[in-house]
Amino acid sequence: MVRNTKLADSLRKASEPEKSTKPVTSPDGEPLIKNPSTGVAPSRQGKKAIAGHFDPAVSKQLKQLALSEDTTVQALLSEALNDLFSKYGQKPIA
């Protein structure tokens, strides 16, 4: 039988994420999360994540390339996927 104590209640409350009613905004005041209940940023609406497991050196090199090219990892991955699609005769849509 589980016994509720003040300590157990405090620990349970401390482990629960805080629910803020204040909208999350960028430094320029633009909303970062369209719907706080779902937590989906406007830029991710209607998008699907694609992932893979690679050696840590791949991740580091990709991040360094993004930094040196003054771009994002997302933009580099889009470019790479479009190149791959073109190579196989597909429309570049990334």
Protein backbone atom coordinates (compact mmCIF):
# COMPACT_ATOMS: atom_id res chain seq x y z
CA MET A 1 0.00 0.00 0.00
CA VAL A 2 1.32 3.45 -0.92
CA ARG A 3 1.13 5.99 1.86
CA ASN A 4 0.78 9.67 1.01
CA THR A 5 3.06 11.86 3.05
CA LYS A 6 3.94 15.50 2.83
CA LEU A 7 7.39 14.56 1.52
CA ALA A 8 5.95 12.27 -1.16
CA ASP A 9 3.47 14.96 -2.21
CA SER A 10 6.24 17.55 -2.42
CA LEU A 11 8.44 15.25 -4.52
CA ARG A 12 5.55 14.42 -6.83
CA LYS A 13 4.75 18.11 -7.34
CA ALA A 14 8.43 18.97 -7.89
CA SER A 15 8.73 16.32 -10.62
CA GLU A 16 5.70 17.59 -12.54
CA PRO A 17 6.45 20.13 -15.29
CA GLU A 18 5.12 23.60 -14.68
CA LYS A 19 2.23 24.61 -16.88
CA SER A 20 2.58 28.20 -17.93
CA THR A 21 -0.35 30.14 -19.31
CA LYS A 22 1.98 32.84 -20.63
CA PRO A 23 2.80 32.33 -24.35
CA VAL A 24 6.43 31.61 -25.22
CA THR A 25 7.86 34.32 -27.47
CA SER A 26 11.11 35.05 -29.27
CA PRO A 27 13.20 38.11 -28.36
CA ASP A 28 11.32 40.13 -31.00
CA GLY A 29 7.95 39.15 -29.49
CA GLU A 30 6.90 36.59 -32.11
CA PRO A 31 5.14 33.50 -30.70
CA LEU A 32 7.39 30.43 -30.72
CA ILE A 33 4.62 28.03 -29.84
CA LYS A 34 1.32 28.40 -31.66
CA ASN A 35 -0.60 26.13 -29.34
CA PRO A 36 0.88 25.85 -25.83
CA SER A 37 -1.17 22.72 -25.12
CA THR A 38 0.50 20.81 -27.99
CA GLY A 39 3.88 22.55 -27.79
CA VAL A 40 4.28 22.72 -31.57
CA ALA A 41 6.19 25.69 -32.97
CA PRO A 42 4.62 27.36 -36.03
CA SER A 43 7.67 26.40 -38.14
CA ARG A 44 7.01 22.72 -37.35
CA GLN A 45 3.29 22.70 -38.13
CA GLY A 46 2.61 20.02 -40.75
CA LYS A 47 6.21 18.77 -40.70
CA LYS A 48 7.57 15.29 -39.97
CA ALA A 49 10.88 14.60 -38.20
CA ILE A 50 13.44 12.38 -39.98
CA ALA A 51 16.24 10.88 -37.90
CA GLY A 52 19.16 8.49 -38.08
CA HIS A 53 21.92 7.20 -35.83
CA PHE A 54 25.46 8.18 -36.78
CA ASP A 55 28.89 8.32 -35.22
CA PRO A 56 29.32 11.33 -32.91
CA ALA A 57 32.00 12.64 -35.28
CA VAL A 58 29.33 13.01 -37.98
CA SER A 59 27.21 15.19 -35.71
CA LYS A 60 30.19 17.32 -34.72
CA GLN A 61 31.34 17.78 -38.33
CA LEU A 62 27.82 18.69 -39.46
CA LYS A 63 27.50 21.32 -36.71
CA GLN A 64 30.95 22.73 -37.54
CA LEU A 65 30.02 22.94 -41.22
CA ALA A 66 26.80 24.78 -40.38
CA LEU A 67 28.76 27.22 -38.24
CA SER A 68 31.47 27.81 -40.85
CA GLU A 69 28.85 28.31 -43.59
CA ASP A 70 26.74 30.58 -41.35
CA THR A 71 23.68 28.40 -41.79
CA THR A 72 21.75 25.77 -39.85
CA VAL A 73 21.98 22.01 -39.65
CA GLN A 74 18.37 21.97 -40.89
CA ALA A 75 19.33 23.91 -44.03
CA LEU A 76 22.32 21.64 -44.71
CA LEU A 77 20.16 18.53 -44.31
CA SER A 78 17.57 20.00 -46.70
CA GLU A 79 20.32 20.66 -49.24
CA ALA A 80 21.69 17.13 -48.84
CA LEU A 81 18.25 15.53 -49.22
CA ASN A 82 17.50 17.58 -52.33
CA ASP A 83 20.84 16.50 -53.82
CA LEU A 84 19.97 12.88 -53.03
CA PHE A 85 16.52 13.21 -54.59
CA SER A 86 18.01 14.77 -57.73
CA LYS A 87 20.61 11.99 -57.97
CA TYR A 88 17.80 9.43 -58.11
CA GLY A 89 15.64 11.40 -60.55
CA GLN A 90 13.20 12.63 -57.92
CA LYS A 91 11.85 16.15 -57.50
CA PRO A 92 13.86 18.13 -54.89
CA ILE A 93 11.16 18.95 -52.32
CA ALA A 94 13.03 19.23 -49.00
